[in-house]
Amino acid sequence: MKKSGTIFVMVMLIIIVGTVLMYREDLDRFNPFFTKEYVYVQINEQPEPDEPDGKRFKYQLTGFNDEGKKRNVNFSTSSELEQGTYLKVMAKGQYTEKWEKIEDDSLPKNIKF
């Protein structure tokens, strides 16, 4: 009986961890161990469709924070962004609160794409 209970607990833990990892972006918003920070990204990849009708576009990009450390961010838009566009993203983990287009001369000096 004890062995089957242990197996049940382990299976439940695997399911929970798998679910958390699938929806990590949404959970980062509430994670008390992450702080909000600006991440600077350049649109250098084609987006994925975020909805079946193709009206939203999902970006998964790697950028840099103010200190020059690499950070991953995910966000969606209602229009496809032009390649080479620079964005300033307010992120918490991989969750994106907001983003805005910026010019390359607005990038911090230590960030080079």
C-alpha atoms as a PDB file:
ATOM      1  CA  MET A   1       0.000   0.000   0.000  1.00  0.00           C
ATOM      2  CA  LYS A   2       2.795   2.413   0.883  1.00  0.00           C
ATOM      3  CA  LYS A   3       4.546   1.825  -2.458  1.00  0.00           C
ATOM      4  CA  SER A   4       1.418   2.659  -4.495  1.00  0.00           C
ATOM      5  CA  GLY A   5       0.951   5.867  -2.473  1.00  0.00           C
ATOM      6  CA  THR A   6       4.528   6.927  -3.224  1.00  0.00           C
ATOM      7  CA  ILE A   7       4.047   6.227  -6.930  1.00  0.00           C
ATOM      8  CA  PHE A   8       0.833   8.263  -6.924  1.00  0.00           C
ATOM      9  CA  VAL A   9       2.565  11.235  -5.283  1.00  0.00           C
ATOM     10  CA  MET A  10       5.458  11.052  -7.769  1.00  0.00           C
ATOM     11  CA  VAL A  11       3.092  10.934 -10.767  1.00  0.00           C
ATOM     12  CA  MET A  12       1.159  13.930  -9.407  1.00  0.00           C
ATOM     13  CA  LEU A  13       4.408  15.880  -8.915  1.00  0.00           C
ATOM     14  CA  ILE A  14       5.457  15.148 -12.501  1.00  0.00           C
ATOM     15  CA  ILE A  15       2.080  16.353 -13.787  1.00  0.00           C
ATOM     16  CA  ILE A  16       2.225  19.537 -11.690  1.00  0.00           C
ATOM     17  CA  VAL A  17       5.811  20.364 -12.677  1.00  0.00           C
ATOM     18  CA  GLY A  18       5.008  19.711 -16.341  1.00  0.00           C
ATOM     19  CA  THR A  19       1.989  22.001 -16.180  1.00  0.00           C
ATOM     20  CA  VAL A  20       3.993  24.747 -14.480  1.00  0.00           C
ATOM     21  CA  LEU A  21       6.715  24.563 -17.123  1.00  0.00           C
ATOM     22  CA  MET A  22       4.158  24.738 -19.951  1.00  0.00           C
ATOM     23  CA  TYR A  23       2.636  27.937 -18.577  1.00  0.00           C
ATOM     24  CA  ARG A  24       5.785  29.457 -17.115  1.00  0.00           C
ATOM     25  CA  GLU A  25       5.300  32.782 -18.861  1.00  0.00           C
ATOM     26  CA  ASP A  26       1.965  33.373 -17.113  1.00  0.00           C
ATOM     27  CA  LEU A  27       3.254  32.189 -13.737  1.00  0.00           C
ATOM     28  CA  ASP A  28       6.293  34.491 -13.861  1.00  0.00           C
ATOM     29  CA  ARG A  29       3.907  37.419 -13.399  1.00  0.00           C
ATOM     30  CA  PHE A  30       3.115  36.233  -9.867  1.00  0.00           C
ATOM     31  CA  ASN A  31       6.512  34.795  -8.922  1.00  0.00           C
ATOM     32  CA  PRO A  32       7.851  36.747  -5.917  1.00  0.00           C
ATOM     33  CA  PHE A  33      11.440  35.771  -6.799  1.00  0.00           C
ATOM     34  CA  PHE A  34      11.397  37.735 -10.080  1.00  0.00           C
ATOM     35  CA  THR A  35      11.586  41.507 -10.216  1.00  0.00           C
ATOM     36  CA  LYS A  36      10.418  43.705 -13.041  1.00  0.00           C
ATOM     37  CA  GLU A  37      13.111  44.970 -15.348  1.00  0.00           C
ATOM     38  CA  TYR A  38      13.477  46.502 -18.771  1.00  0.00           C
ATOM     39  CA  VAL A  39      14.756  44.143 -21.449  1.00  0.00           C
ATOM     40  CA  TYR A  40      15.906  45.489 -24.804  1.00  0.00           C
ATOM     41  CA  VAL A  41      15.228  43.289 -27.820  1.00  0.00           C
ATOM     42  CA  GLN A  42      15.569  43.500 -31.558  1.00  0.00           C
ATOM     43  CA  ILE A  43      12.989  41.892 -33.812  1.00  0.00           C
ATOM     44  CA  ASN A  44      15.172  39.375 -35.635  1.00  0.00           C
ATOM     45  CA  GLU A  45      12.825  36.401 -36.020  1.00  0.00           C
ATOM     46  CA  GLN A  46       9.526  35.765 -37.729  1.00  0.00           C
ATOM     47  CA  PRO A  47       6.651  35.535 -35.235  1.00  0.00           C
ATOM     48  CA  GLU A  48       4.449  32.501 -34.758  1.00  0.00           C
ATOM     49  CA  PRO A  49       0.684  32.835 -35.191  1.00  0.00           C
ATOM     50  CA  ASP A  50      -0.807  33.255 -31.710  1.00  0.00           C
ATOM     51  CA  GLU A  51      -4.391  32.550 -32.738  1.00  0.00           C
ATOM     52  CA  PRO A  52      -5.853  30.192 -35.342  1.00  0.00           C
ATOM     53  CA  ASP A  53      -7.223  33.097 -37.382  1.00  0.00           C
ATOM     54  CA  GLY A  54      -3.758  34.695 -37.628  1.00  0.00           C
ATOM     55  CA  LYS A  55      -4.794  38.041 -36.095  1.00  0.00           C
ATOM     56  CA  ARG A  56      -2.118  37.982 -33.371  1.00  0.00           C
ATOM     57  CA  PHE A  57       1.586  37.269 -33.569  1.00  0.00           C
ATOM     58  CA  LYS A  58       3.713  35.702 -30.819  1.00  0.00           C
ATOM     59  CA  TYR A  59       7.371  36.625 -30.386  1.00  0.00           C
ATOM     60  CA  GLN A  60       9.874  34.650 -28.300  1.00  0.00           C
ATOM     61  CA  LEU A  61      13.059  36.713 -28.218  1.00  0.00           C
ATOM     62  CA  THR A  62      16.320  36.979 -26.345  1.00  0.00           C
ATOM     63  CA  GLY A  63      17.360  40.451 -25.257  1.00  0.00           C
ATOM     64  CA  PHE A  64      19.464  42.213 -22.668  1.00  0.00           C
ATOM     65  CA  ASN A  65      18.640  44.028 -19.433  1.00  0.00           C
ATOM     66  CA  ASP A  66      20.241  47.338 -18.370  1.00  0.00           C
ATOM     67  CA  GLU A  67      23.265  45.428 -17.034  1.00  0.00           C
ATOM     68  CA  GLY A  68      23.810  43.588 -20.338  1.00  0.00           C
ATOM     69  CA  LYS A  69      22.622  40.185 -19.058  1.00  0.00           C
ATOM     70  CA  LYS A  70      20.691  37.961 -21.490  1.00  0.00           C
ATOM     71  CA  ARG A  71      16.993  37.590 -20.821  1.00  0.00           C
ATOM     72  CA  ASN A  72      14.208  35.731 -22.676  1.00  0.00           C
ATOM     73  CA  VAL A  73      10.887  37.461 -23.211  1.00  0.00           C
ATOM     74  CA  ASN A  74       7.603  36.378 -24.786  1.00  0.00           C
ATOM     75  CA  PHE A  75       4.845  38.673 -25.993  1.00  0.00           C
ATOM     76  CA  SER A  76       2.170  38.938 -28.631  1.00  0.00           C
ATOM     77  CA  THR A  77       1.068  41.758 -30.899  1.00  0.00           C
ATOM     78  CA  SER A  78      -1.919  42.514 -33.097  1.00  0.00           C
ATOM     79  CA  SER A  79       0.371  43.328 -36.043  1.00  0.00           C
ATOM     80  CA  GLU A  80       3.616  41.876 -37.304  1.00  0.00           C
ATOM     81  CA  LEU A  81       6.608  44.028 -36.345  1.00  0.00           C
ATOM     82  CA  GLU A  82       9.221  45.054 -38.887  1.00  0.00           C
ATOM     83  CA  GLN A  83      12.521  43.161 -38.824  1.00  0.00           C
ATOM     84  CA  GLY A  84      15.278  45.168 -37.124  1.00  0.00           C
ATOM     85  CA  THR A  85      12.881  47.104 -34.868  1.00  0.00           C
ATOM     86  CA  TYR A  86      14.157  47.723 -31.323  1.00  0.00           C
ATOM     87  CA  LEU A  87      11.809  47.332 -28.362  1.00  0.00           C
ATOM     88  CA  LYS A  88      12.006  48.244 -24.694  1.00  0.00           C
ATOM     89  CA  VAL A  89      10.079  45.525 -22.853  1.00  0.00           C
ATOM     90  CA  MET A  90       8.929  45.669 -19.222  1.00  0.00           C
ATOM     91  CA  ALA A  91       9.392  42.033 -18.201  1.00  0.00           C
ATOM     92  CA  LYS A  92       9.114  39.932 -15.080  1.00  0.00           C
ATOM     93  CA  GLY A  93      10.799  36.637 -15.843  1.00  0.00           C
ATOM     94  CA  GLN A  94       9.451  35.693 -19.256  1.00  0.00           C
ATOM     95  CA  TYR A  95       6.162  37.536 -18.685  1.00  0.00           C
ATOM     96  CA  THR A  96       5.821  40.822 -20.579  1.00  0.00           C
ATOM     97  CA  GLU A  97       3.805  43.581 -18.967  1.00  0.00           C
ATOM     98  CA  LYS A  98       4.240  46.133 -21.769  1.00  0.00           C
ATOM     99  CA  TRP A  99       6.568  47.058 -24.618  1.00  0.00           C
ATOM    100  CA  GLU A 100       7.352  50.084 -26.730  1.00  0.00           C
ATOM    101  CA  LYS A 101       9.297  50.740 -29.915  1.00  0.00           C
ATOM    102  CA  ILE A 102      12.536  52.686 -29.481  1.00  0.00           C
ATOM    103  CA  GLU A 103      15.280  54.012 -31.718  1.00  0.00           C
ATOM    104  CA  ASP A 104      18.723  52.411 -31.631  1.00  0.00           C
ATOM    105  CA  ASP A 105      20.230  55.544 -30.057  1.00  0.00           C
ATOM    106  CA  SER A 106      17.949  54.953 -27.028  1.00  0.00           C
ATOM    107  CA  LEU A 107      19.634  51.622 -26.235  1.00  0.00           C
ATOM    108  CA  PRO A 108      21.917  51.584 -23.189  1.00  0.00           C
ATOM    109  CA  LYS A 109      25.556  51.965 -24.242  1.00  0.00           C
ATOM    110  CA  ASN A 110      26.601  48.460 -23.114  1.00  0.00           C
ATOM    111  CA  ILE A 111      24.004  46.677 -25.277  1.00  0.00           C
ATOM    112  CA  LYS A 112      25.053  45.635 -28.766  1.00  0.00           C
ATOM    113  CA  PHE A 113      22.948  43.516 -31.116  1.00  0.00           C
END
